[in-house]
Amino acid sequence: MLVLCLCACSKRYVPKPYGYVRFFVPDTAYSNFDYCGVCSFLKSDNAVVKQREQYYWENITYPDLNAVIHCSYYPVEGNLRQLSDDAQEFVYKHSGKANAIQEKGYDDELHHIHGVFYHLEGNTASPYQFYLTDSTRHFFRAALYFDCIPNQDSLQPAIDYMKTDIVRMIESFRWADR
């Protein structure tokens, strides 16, 4: 019995690393979404829209991915510079955690849509943000957040899925009065 006990204890215990939630990325269909009567874009049918505290603010939530796109709209009344500076400030608040911040300009002259798409690399709370404007009357801003501790390695499938949805949103974006 003693020999069996001595042989059985020869393996060292190795703790297992923390596990992460596995995401099942759903198939996606898109439908046109009217945002407060000021603009429209294609929204994933997997997302649910929830009104926020102010009229022109809405959340597009993805319950299966624990993600939300915070959207806000502001009329431009001689304050375009302030609105774009505020949007950039929100992005660069994450610079302490971001490994890099990539900015990509967006221009659609035909539909009078101009903006900037930000990709924040690393373990940031918001991997993607963007704003769109017509430079005279409208300003739309959106930021993606996950409701969990940011870990890029475990969130990467969800981040990739959300990038596809956000790019589709931007490319299909139209002002209601244009």
N, C-alpha and C. Protein backbone atom coordinates (compact mmCIF):
# COMPACT_ATOMS: atom_id res chain seq x y z
N MET A 1 0.82 -1.19 0.00
CA MET A 1 0.00 0.00 0.00
C MET A 1 0.87 1.26 0.00
N LEU A 2 1.94 1.23 0.78
CA LEU A 2 2.85 2.36 0.87
C LEU A 2 3.53 2.63 -0.47
N VAL A 3 3.91 1.58 -1.20
CA VAL A 3 4.54 1.72 -2.50
C VAL A 3 3.57 2.37 -3.50
N LEU A 4 2.30 1.98 -3.45
CA LEU A 4 1.30 2.58 -4.34
C LEU A 4 1.10 4.06 -4.04
N CYS A 5 1.08 4.44 -2.79
CA CYS A 5 0.91 5.84 -2.41
C CYS A 5 2.09 6.68 -2.88
N LEU A 6 3.31 6.15 -2.76
CA LEU A 6 4.49 6.89 -3.18
C LEU A 6 4.54 7.04 -4.70
N CYS A 7 4.11 6.04 -5.44
CA CYS A 7 4.11 6.12 -6.91
C CYS A 7 3.00 7.03 -7.42
N ALA A 8 1.89 7.04 -6.74
CA ALA A 8 0.73 7.83 -7.19
C ALA A 8 0.99 9.32 -7.05
N CYS A 9 1.85 9.73 -6.17
CA CYS A 9 2.09 11.15 -5.93
C CYS A 9 3.25 11.72 -6.74
N SER A 10 3.67 11.03 -7.77
CA SER A 10 4.85 11.48 -8.50
C SER A 10 4.55 12.63 -9.48
N LYS A 11 3.30 12.81 -9.90
CA LYS A 11 2.96 13.90 -10.82
C LYS A 11 2.77 15.19 -10.04
N ARG A 12 3.27 16.25 -10.64
CA ARG A 12 3.10 17.57 -10.03
C ARG A 12 1.78 18.16 -10.51
N TYR A 13 1.12 18.86 -9.64
CA TYR A 13 -0.12 19.54 -10.00
C TYR A 13 0.21 20.82 -10.75
N VAL A 14 -0.46 21.01 -11.89
CA VAL A 14 -0.27 22.22 -12.69
C VAL A 14 -1.65 22.91 -12.78
N PRO A 15 -1.74 24.13 -12.29
CA PRO A 15 -3.05 24.82 -12.38
C PRO A 15 -3.41 25.11 -13.83
N LYS A 16 -4.69 25.02 -14.12
CA LYS A 16 -5.16 25.31 -15.47
C LYS A 16 -5.38 26.81 -15.63
N PRO A 17 -5.13 27.32 -16.82
CA PRO A 17 -5.37 28.76 -17.05
C PRO A 17 -6.87 29.06 -17.02
N TYR A 18 -7.19 30.35 -16.83
CA TYR A 18 -8.58 30.76 -16.84
C TYR A 18 -9.17 30.49 -18.21
N GLY A 19 -10.41 30.05 -18.22
CA GLY A 19 -11.13 29.84 -19.47
C GLY A 19 -11.89 31.09 -19.88
N TYR A 20 -12.16 31.22 -21.14
CA TYR A 20 -12.90 32.36 -21.64
C TYR A 20 -14.17 31.88 -22.32
N VAL A 21 -15.14 32.76 -22.38
CA VAL A 21 -16.41 32.44 -23.01
C VAL A 21 -16.19 32.20 -24.49
N ARG A 22 -16.81 31.17 -24.99
CA ARG A 22 -16.73 30.90 -26.42
C ARG A 22 -17.91 31.57 -27.10
N PHE A 23 -17.63 32.33 -28.15
CA PHE A 23 -18.67 33.03 -28.88
C PHE A 23 -19.11 32.20 -30.06
N PHE A 24 -20.40 32.10 -30.23
CA PHE A 24 -20.95 31.51 -31.44
C PHE A 24 -21.45 32.67 -32.28
N VAL A 25 -20.71 32.97 -33.32
CA VAL A 25 -21.05 34.11 -34.17
C VAL A 25 -22.22 33.69 -35.06
N PRO A 26 -23.35 34.39 -34.90
CA PRO A 26 -24.54 33.99 -35.66
C PRO A 26 -24.47 34.42 -37.12
N ASP A 27 -25.27 33.76 -37.95
CA ASP A 27 -25.45 34.22 -39.32
C ASP A 27 -26.17 35.55 -39.27
N THR A 28 -25.91 36.40 -40.23
CA THR A 28 -26.46 37.74 -40.17
C THR A 28 -27.27 38.08 -41.40
N ALA A 29 -28.42 38.66 -41.15
CA ALA A 29 -29.23 39.29 -42.18
C ALA A 29 -29.37 40.74 -41.76
N TYR A 30 -29.52 41.62 -42.72
CA TYR A 30 -29.59 43.05 -42.43
C TYR A 30 -30.91 43.62 -42.92
N SER A 31 -31.37 44.63 -42.20
CA SER A 31 -32.56 45.37 -42.63
C SER A 31 -32.31 46.85 -42.40
N ASN A 32 -33.01 47.67 -43.17
CA ASN A 32 -32.84 49.11 -43.07
C ASN A 32 -33.42 49.60 -41.74
N PHE A 33 -32.68 50.47 -41.07
CA PHE A 33 -33.10 50.99 -39.77
C PHE A 33 -33.16 52.52 -39.85
N ASP A 34 -34.30 53.08 -39.46
CA ASP A 34 -34.47 54.53 -39.42
C ASP A 34 -34.08 55.01 -38.03
N TYR A 35 -33.05 55.83 -37.97
CA TYR A 35 -32.54 56.34 -36.70
C TYR A 35 -33.15 57.71 -36.42
N CYS A 36 -34.17 57.74 -35.59
CA CYS A 36 -34.81 58.97 -35.09
C CYS A 36 -35.25 59.92 -36.20
N GLY A 37 -35.46 59.42 -37.40
CA GLY A 37 -35.91 60.25 -38.50
C GLY A 37 -34.84 61.13 -39.12
N VAL A 38 -33.58 61.01 -38.67
CA VAL A 38 -32.52 61.88 -39.21
C VAL A 38 -31.59 61.14 -40.17
N CYS A 39 -31.50 59.83 -40.04
CA CYS A 39 -30.64 59.05 -40.91
C CYS A 39 -31.12 57.61 -40.92
N SER A 40 -30.55 56.83 -41.80
CA SER A 40 -30.87 55.40 -41.86
C SER A 40 -29.61 54.64 -42.25
N PHE A 41 -29.60 53.35 -41.91
CA PHE A 41 -28.49 52.48 -42.25
C PHE A 41 -28.93 51.04 -42.09
N LEU A 42 -28.12 50.12 -42.59
CA LEU A 42 -28.42 48.70 -42.43
C LEU A 42 -27.97 48.26 -41.04
N LYS A 43 -28.87 47.57 -40.35
CA LYS A 43 -28.62 47.06 -39.00
C LYS A 43 -28.81 45.56 -39.01
N SER A 44 -27.96 44.87 -38.29
CA SER A 44 -28.07 43.42 -38.18
C SER A 44 -29.39 43.04 -37.52
N ASP A 45 -30.02 42.00 -38.03
CA ASP A 45 -31.26 41.51 -37.41
C ASP A 45 -30.99 40.83 -36.07
N ASN A 46 -29.71 40.56 -35.76
CA ASN A 46 -29.35 39.99 -34.46
C ASN A 46 -29.30 41.05 -33.37
N ALA A 47 -29.40 42.31 -33.74
CA ALA A 47 -29.27 43.41 -32.79
C ALA A 47 -30.65 43.93 -32.38
N VAL A 48 -30.69 44.48 -31.17
CA VAL A 48 -31.91 45.06 -30.61
C VAL A 48 -31.62 46.53 -30.30
N VAL A 49 -32.55 47.41 -30.68
CA VAL A 49 -32.37 48.84 -30.45
C VAL A 49 -33.08 49.24 -29.16
N LYS A 50 -32.37 50.00 -28.33
CA LYS A 50 -32.94 50.49 -27.07
C LYS A 50 -32.72 51.99 -26.98
N GLN A 51 -33.78 52.71 -26.66
CA GLN A 51 -33.72 54.17 -26.47
C GLN A 51 -32.91 54.48 -25.22
N ARG A 52 -32.05 55.49 -25.30
CA ARG A 52 -31.29 55.95 -24.14
C ARG A 52 -31.97 57.18 -23.54
N GLU A 53 -31.29 57.82 -22.61
CA GLU A 53 -31.89 58.90 -21.84
C GLU A 53 -32.24 60.14 -22.66
N GLN A 54 -31.55 60.40 -23.72
CA GLN A 54 -31.85 61.55 -24.57
C GLN A 54 -32.47 61.07 -25.87
N TYR A 55 -33.26 61.95 -26.49
CA TYR A 55 -34.03 61.54 -27.67
C TYR A 55 -33.17 61.03 -28.82
N TYR A 56 -32.11 61.70 -29.16
CA TYR A 56 -31.30 61.31 -30.30
C TYR A 56 -30.19 60.31 -29.94
N TRP A 57 -30.31 59.66 -28.79
CA TRP A 57 -29.33 58.67 -28.37
C TRP A 57 -30.00 57.31 -28.31
N GLU A 58 -29.37 56.32 -28.93
CA GLU A 58 -29.89 54.95 -28.90
C GLU A 58 -28.74 53.97 -28.78
N ASN A 59 -29.05 52.81 -28.21
CA ASN A 59 -28.08 51.71 -28.11
C ASN A 59 -28.51 50.60 -29.06
N ILE A 60 -27.58 50.10 -29.80
CA ILE A 60 -27.81 48.92 -30.63
C ILE A 60 -27.10 47.78 -29.92
N THR A 61 -27.86 46.91 -29.29
CA THR A 61 -27.28 45.85 -28.46
C THR A 61 -27.28 44.52 -29.20
N TYR A 62 -26.25 43.75 -28.91
CA TYR A 62 -26.09 42.39 -29.45
C TYR A 62 -26.08 41.45 -28.25
N PRO A 63 -27.25 40.94 -27.84
CA PRO A 63 -27.31 40.13 -26.61
C PRO A 63 -26.43 38.88 -26.66
N ASP A 64 -26.32 38.23 -27.82
CA ASP A 64 -25.52 37.01 -27.92
C ASP A 64 -24.03 37.27 -27.75
N LEU A 65 -23.58 38.48 -28.06
CA LEU A 65 -22.16 38.81 -27.99
C LEU A 65 -21.83 39.70 -26.79
N ASN A 66 -22.86 40.09 -26.04
CA ASN A 66 -22.66 40.98 -24.89
C ASN A 66 -22.00 42.29 -25.33
N ALA A 67 -22.46 42.79 -26.47
CA ALA A 67 -21.88 44.00 -27.06
C ALA A 67 -22.96 45.04 -27.27
N VAL A 68 -22.54 46.29 -27.30
CA VAL A 68 -23.48 47.39 -27.54
C VAL A 68 -22.76 48.48 -28.34
N ILE A 69 -23.48 49.05 -29.31
CA ILE A 69 -22.99 50.21 -30.04
C ILE A 69 -23.78 51.40 -29.51
N HIS A 70 -23.09 52.31 -28.84
CA HIS A 70 -23.72 53.52 -28.32
C HIS A 70 -23.74 54.54 -29.46
N CYS A 71 -24.94 54.97 -29.85
CA CYS A 71 -25.09 55.91 -30.95
C CYS A 71 -25.67 57.22 -30.43
N SER A 72 -25.19 58.31 -31.00
CA SER A 72 -25.74 59.62 -30.65
C SER A 72 -25.71 60.52 -31.88
N TYR A 73 -26.71 61.38 -31.94
CA TYR A 73 -26.84 62.32 -33.05
C TYR A 73 -26.93 63.73 -32.48
N TYR A 74 -26.27 64.66 -33.17
CA TYR A 74 -26.32 66.07 -32.78
C TYR A 74 -26.54 66.92 -34.02
N PRO A 75 -27.43 67.89 -33.96
CA PRO A 75 -27.52 68.82 -35.08
C PRO A 75 -26.31 69.75 -35.07
N VAL A 76 -25.82 70.06 -36.26
CA VAL A 76 -24.68 70.98 -36.37
C VAL A 76 -25.23 72.39 -36.43
N GLU A 77 -24.83 73.18 -35.46
CA GLU A 77 -25.28 74.58 -35.39
C GLU A 77 -24.07 75.47 -35.16
N GLY A 78 -23.16 75.45 -36.13
CA GLY A 78 -21.93 76.22 -35.99
C GLY A 78 -20.93 75.61 -35.03
N ASN A 79 -21.15 74.36 -34.64
CA ASN A 79 -20.31 73.69 -33.64
C ASN A 79 -19.65 72.42 -34.17
N LEU A 80 -19.45 72.33 -35.47
CA LEU A 80 -18.87 71.12 -36.06
C LEU A 80 -17.48 70.84 -35.50
N ARG A 81 -16.67 71.86 -35.35
CA ARG A 81 -15.31 71.69 -34.82
C ARG A 81 -15.37 71.10 -33.40
N GLN A 82 -16.27 71.63 -32.57
CA GLN A 82 -16.41 71.14 -31.19
C GLN A 82 -16.89 69.69 -31.16
N LEU A 83 -17.86 69.35 -32.02
CA LEU A 83 -18.37 67.98 -32.06
C LEU A 83 -17.30 67.00 -32.50
N SER A 84 -16.54 67.34 -33.53
CA SER A 84 -15.49 66.43 -34.00
C SER A 84 -14.34 66.34 -32.98
N ASP A 85 -14.02 67.45 -32.33
CA ASP A 85 -12.99 67.41 -31.27
C ASP A 85 -13.44 66.55 -30.10
N ASP A 86 -14.71 66.64 -29.72
CA ASP A 86 -15.24 65.81 -28.63
C ASP A 86 -15.18 64.33 -29.00
N ALA A 87 -15.54 64.01 -30.24
CA ALA A 87 -15.49 62.61 -30.70
C ALA A 87 -14.06 62.08 -30.65
N GLN A 88 -13.11 62.90 -31.09
CA GLN A 88 -11.71 62.47 -31.06
C GLN A 88 -11.22 62.34 -29.62
N GLU A 89 -11.67 63.22 -28.75
CA GLU A 89 -11.28 63.14 -27.33
C GLU A 89 -11.78 61.85 -26.69
N PHE A 90 -13.02 61.45 -27.03
CA PHE A 90 -13.54 60.19 -26.51
C PHE A 90 -12.67 59.02 -26.94
N VAL A 91 -12.21 59.04 -28.18
CA VAL A 91 -11.34 57.97 -28.68
C VAL A 91 -10.02 57.96 -27.93
N TYR A 92 -9.39 59.10 -27.81
CA TYR A 92 -8.05 59.14 -27.23
C TYR A 92 -8.04 59.02 -25.71
N LYS A 93 -9.21 58.98 -25.07
CA LYS A 93 -9.26 58.63 -23.64
C LYS A 93 -8.82 57.20 -23.42
N HIS A 94 -8.89 56.38 -24.47
CA HIS A 94 -8.50 54.98 -24.39
C HIS A 94 -7.03 54.77 -24.72
N SER A 95 -6.29 55.83 -24.99
CA SER A 95 -4.90 55.69 -25.43
C SER A 95 -4.00 55.05 -24.37
N GLY A 96 -4.37 55.13 -23.11
CA GLY A 96 -3.56 54.50 -22.06
C GLY A 96 -3.57 52.99 -22.15
N LYS A 97 -4.65 52.42 -22.64
CA LYS A 97 -4.76 50.95 -22.77
C LYS A 97 -4.52 50.46 -24.18
N ALA A 98 -4.68 51.33 -25.16
CA ALA A 98 -4.54 50.92 -26.56
C ALA A 98 -3.08 50.76 -26.95
N ASN A 99 -2.80 49.73 -27.72
CA ASN A 99 -1.46 49.54 -28.28
C ASN A 99 -1.24 50.50 -29.44
N ALA A 100 -2.32 50.77 -30.16
CA ALA A 100 -2.27 51.70 -31.30
C ALA A 100 -3.68 52.16 -31.61
N ILE A 101 -3.80 53.34 -32.19
CA ILE A 101 -5.08 53.86 -32.63
C ILE A 101 -4.94 54.22 -34.11
N GLN A 102 -5.70 53.51 -34.93
CA GLN A 102 -5.67 53.76 -36.37
C GLN A 102 -6.88 54.61 -36.75
N GLU A 103 -6.66 55.64 -37.51
CA GLU A 103 -7.73 56.50 -38.01
C GLU A 103 -7.84 56.29 -39.51
N LYS A 104 -9.07 56.15 -39.98
CA LYS A 104 -9.29 56.00 -41.42
C LYS A 104 -10.41 56.95 -41.82
N GLY A 105 -10.11 57.87 -42.71
CA GLY A 105 -11.11 58.82 -43.18
C GLY A 105 -12.14 58.13 -44.07
N TYR A 106 -13.33 58.68 -44.06
CA TYR A 106 -14.41 58.15 -44.90
C TYR A 106 -15.08 59.32 -45.60
N ASP A 107 -15.22 59.23 -46.93
CA ASP A 107 -15.87 60.27 -47.71
C ASP A 107 -16.78 59.63 -48.75
N ASP A 108 -18.03 60.03 -48.73
CA ASP A 108 -19.01 59.63 -49.73
C ASP A 108 -19.63 60.93 -50.26
N GLU A 109 -19.01 61.50 -51.27
CA GLU A 109 -19.45 62.79 -51.81
C GLU A 109 -20.87 62.72 -52.35
N LEU A 110 -21.23 61.61 -52.95
CA LEU A 110 -22.56 61.47 -53.55
C LEU A 110 -23.67 61.65 -52.51
N HIS A 111 -23.47 61.11 -51.31
CA HIS A 111 -24.49 61.18 -50.26
C HIS A 111 -24.16 62.19 -49.17
N HIS A 112 -23.11 62.99 -49.37
CA HIS A 112 -22.71 64.04 -48.42
C HIS A 112 -22.40 63.46 -47.04
N ILE A 113 -21.58 62.43 -47.03
CA ILE A 113 -21.20 61.78 -45.77
C ILE A 113 -19.69 61.78 -45.67
N HIS A 114 -19.19 62.34 -44.58
CA HIS A 114 -17.76 62.41 -44.31
C HIS A 114 -17.55 62.00 -42.86
N GLY A 115 -16.44 61.38 -42.58
CA GLY A 115 -16.20 60.98 -41.19
C GLY A 115 -14.87 60.32 -40.99
N VAL A 116 -14.71 59.78 -39.80
CA VAL A 116 -13.48 59.08 -39.41
C VAL A 116 -13.87 57.80 -38.68
N PHE A 117 -13.21 56.71 -39.05
CA PHE A 117 -13.38 55.41 -38.41
C PHE A 117 -12.11 55.13 -37.60
N TYR A 118 -12.27 54.83 -36.31
CA TYR A 118 -11.14 54.58 -35.42
C TYR A 118 -11.10 53.10 -35.04
N HIS A 119 -9.91 52.52 -35.16
CA HIS A 119 -9.68 51.15 -34.68
C HIS A 119 -8.68 51.24 -33.55
N LEU A 120 -9.10 50.85 -32.35
CA LEU A 120 -8.24 50.88 -31.17
C LEU A 120 -7.75 49.47 -30.91
N GLU A 121 -6.46 49.24 -31.09
CA GLU A 121 -5.89 47.91 -30.92
C GLU A 121 -5.48 47.69 -29.47
N GLY A 122 -5.59 46.45 -29.02
CA GLY A 122 -5.20 46.10 -27.66
C GLY A 122 -6.41 45.89 -26.76
N ASN A 123 -6.16 45.83 -25.47
CA ASN A 123 -7.21 45.56 -24.50
C ASN A 123 -7.93 46.85 -24.09
N THR A 124 -8.64 47.43 -25.04
CA THR A 124 -9.38 48.66 -24.77
C THR A 124 -10.85 48.34 -24.56
N ALA A 125 -11.53 49.23 -23.87
CA ALA A 125 -12.96 49.04 -23.61
C ALA A 125 -13.77 49.19 -24.90
N SER A 126 -13.27 49.97 -25.85
CA SER A 126 -13.99 50.23 -27.09
C SER A 126 -13.06 50.03 -28.28
N PRO A 127 -13.16 48.88 -28.98
CA PRO A 127 -12.24 48.63 -30.09
C PRO A 127 -12.54 49.43 -31.36
N TYR A 128 -13.81 49.88 -31.54
CA TYR A 128 -14.16 50.65 -32.74
C TYR A 128 -15.04 51.83 -32.36
N GLN A 129 -14.73 52.97 -32.97
CA GLN A 129 -15.55 54.16 -32.84
C GLN A 129 -15.53 54.88 -34.18
N PHE A 130 -16.57 55.65 -34.44
CA PHE A 130 -16.59 56.44 -35.67
C PHE A 130 -17.55 57.61 -35.52
N TYR A 131 -17.36 58.58 -36.40
CA TYR A 131 -18.36 59.63 -36.53
C TYR A 131 -18.55 59.95 -38.00
N LEU A 132 -19.78 60.38 -38.32
CA LEU A 132 -20.14 60.75 -39.68
C LEU A 132 -20.86 62.09 -39.63
N THR A 133 -20.64 62.92 -40.65
CA THR A 133 -21.27 64.23 -40.71
C THR A 133 -21.47 64.63 -42.16
N ASP A 134 -22.37 65.58 -42.38
CA ASP A 134 -22.49 66.17 -43.71
C ASP A 134 -21.82 67.54 -43.73
N SER A 135 -21.22 67.92 -42.63
CA SER A 135 -20.45 69.16 -42.43
C SER A 135 -21.30 70.42 -42.31
N THR A 136 -22.61 70.31 -42.47
CA THR A 136 -23.44 71.51 -42.37
C THR A 136 -24.60 71.38 -41.39
N ARG A 137 -25.24 70.19 -41.33
CA ARG A 137 -26.44 70.05 -40.49
C ARG A 137 -26.43 68.87 -39.53
N HIS A 138 -25.69 67.82 -39.85
CA HIS A 138 -25.82 66.57 -39.10
C HIS A 138 -24.47 66.07 -38.59
N PHE A 139 -24.52 65.43 -37.41
CA PHE A 139 -23.33 64.80 -36.83
C PHE A 139 -23.78 63.54 -36.09
N PHE A 140 -23.25 62.39 -36.49
CA PHE A 140 -23.60 61.09 -35.90
C PHE A 140 -22.34 60.45 -35.37
N ARG A 141 -22.39 59.97 -34.13
CA ARG A 141 -21.23 59.34 -33.50
C ARG A 141 -21.64 57.99 -32.94
N ALA A 142 -20.73 57.00 -33.01
CA ALA A 142 -21.01 55.67 -32.47
C ALA A 142 -19.73 55.05 -31.91
N ALA A 143 -19.91 54.25 -30.86
CA ALA A 143 -18.79 53.57 -30.22
C ALA A 143 -19.23 52.18 -29.78
N LEU A 144 -18.40 51.19 -30.07
CA LEU A 144 -18.67 49.81 -29.69
C LEU A 144 -18.05 49.52 -28.32
N TYR A 145 -18.83 48.90 -27.45
CA TYR A 145 -18.34 48.46 -26.14
C TYR A 145 -18.80 47.04 -25.89
N PHE A 146 -17.97 46.28 -25.18
CA PHE A 146 -18.35 44.95 -24.72
C PHE A 146 -18.57 45.03 -23.22
N ASP A 147 -19.59 44.34 -22.73
CA ASP A 147 -19.92 44.37 -21.31
C ASP A 147 -19.14 43.27 -20.59
N CYS A 148 -17.82 43.43 -20.57
CA CYS A 148 -16.95 42.48 -19.89
C CYS A 148 -15.56 43.12 -19.77
N ILE A 149 -14.69 42.46 -19.05
CA ILE A 149 -13.32 42.94 -18.95
C ILE A 149 -12.66 42.74 -20.31
N PRO A 150 -12.08 43.80 -20.88
CA PRO A 150 -11.53 43.66 -22.23
C PRO A 150 -10.31 42.75 -22.26
N ASN A 151 -10.38 41.74 -23.10
CA ASN A 151 -9.26 40.84 -23.36
C ASN A 151 -9.32 40.53 -24.85
N GLN A 152 -8.47 41.17 -25.60
CA GLN A 152 -8.53 41.07 -27.05
C GLN A 152 -8.44 39.63 -27.54
N ASP A 153 -7.63 38.81 -26.89
CA ASP A 153 -7.48 37.43 -27.34
C ASP A 153 -8.80 36.68 -27.30
N SER A 154 -9.53 36.80 -26.21
CA SER A 154 -10.77 36.05 -26.08
C SER A 154 -11.92 36.71 -26.84
N LEU A 155 -11.87 38.01 -27.03
CA LEU A 155 -12.95 38.73 -27.71
C LEU A 155 -12.76 38.81 -29.23
N GLN A 156 -11.63 38.37 -29.75
CA GLN A 156 -11.32 38.59 -31.17
C GLN A 156 -12.40 38.12 -32.14
N PRO A 157 -13.01 36.93 -31.95
CA PRO A 157 -14.08 36.56 -32.89
C PRO A 157 -15.26 37.53 -32.86
N ALA A 158 -15.62 38.00 -31.68
CA ALA A 158 -16.72 38.96 -31.56
C ALA A 158 -16.31 40.32 -32.14
N ILE A 159 -15.08 40.73 -31.92
CA ILE A 159 -14.59 42.00 -32.45
C ILE A 159 -14.61 41.96 -33.98
N ASP A 160 -14.17 40.86 -34.57
CA ASP A 160 -14.19 40.73 -36.03
C ASP A 160 -15.62 40.78 -36.58
N TYR A 161 -16.53 40.10 -35.90
CA TYR A 161 -17.94 40.11 -36.31
C TYR A 161 -18.50 41.53 -36.24
N MET A 162 -18.20 42.23 -35.16
CA MET A 162 -18.73 43.58 -34.98
C MET A 162 -18.13 44.55 -36.00
N LYS A 163 -16.87 44.35 -36.37
CA LYS A 163 -16.27 45.23 -37.39
C LYS A 163 -17.05 45.11 -38.70
N THR A 164 -17.41 43.90 -39.07
CA THR A 164 -18.19 43.69 -40.29
C THR A 164 -19.51 44.44 -40.22
N ASP A 165 -20.20 44.35 -39.08
CA ASP A 165 -21.47 45.05 -38.92
C ASP A 165 -21.30 46.57 -38.95
N ILE A 166 -20.26 47.07 -38.31
CA ILE A 166 -20.03 48.51 -38.26
C ILE A 166 -19.67 49.04 -39.65
N VAL A 167 -18.83 48.33 -40.38
CA VAL A 167 -18.48 48.76 -41.74
C VAL A 167 -19.74 48.75 -42.62
N ARG A 168 -20.58 47.75 -42.47
CA ARG A 168 -21.84 47.71 -43.24
C ARG A 168 -22.73 48.89 -42.86
N MET A 169 -22.75 49.23 -41.58
CA MET A 169 -23.53 50.38 -41.11
C MET A 169 -23.03 51.67 -41.77
N ILE A 170 -21.73 51.87 -41.77
CA ILE A 170 -21.14 53.08 -42.34
C ILE A 170 -21.39 53.16 -43.84
N GLU A 171 -21.15 52.07 -44.55
CA GLU A 171 -21.29 52.08 -46.01
C GLU A 171 -22.74 52.26 -46.48
N SER A 172 -23.70 51.88 -45.64
CA SER A 172 -25.11 52.02 -46.02
C SER A 172 -25.76 53.27 -45.43
N PHE A 173 -25.00 54.07 -44.73
CA PHE A 173 -25.51 55.24 -44.02
C PHE A 173 -26.02 56.30 -45.00
N ARG A 174 -27.21 56.85 -44.71
CA ARG A 174 -27.80 57.91 -45.52
C ARG A 174 -28.50 58.91 -44.61
N TRP A 175 -28.39 60.19 -44.94
CA TRP A 175 -29.13 61.24 -44.22
C TRP A 175 -30.57 61.23 -44.74
N ALA A 176 -31.52 61.46 -43.87
CA ALA A 176 -32.93 61.41 -44.25
C ALA A 176 -33.31 62.55 -45.18
N ASP A 177 -32.68 63.70 -45.06
CA ASP A 177 -33.06 64.87 -45.86
C ASP A 177 -32.20 65.06 -47.10
N ARG A 178 -31.45 64.07 -47.49
CA ARG A 178 -30.58 64.19 -48.68
C ARG A 178 -31.00 63.21 -49.74
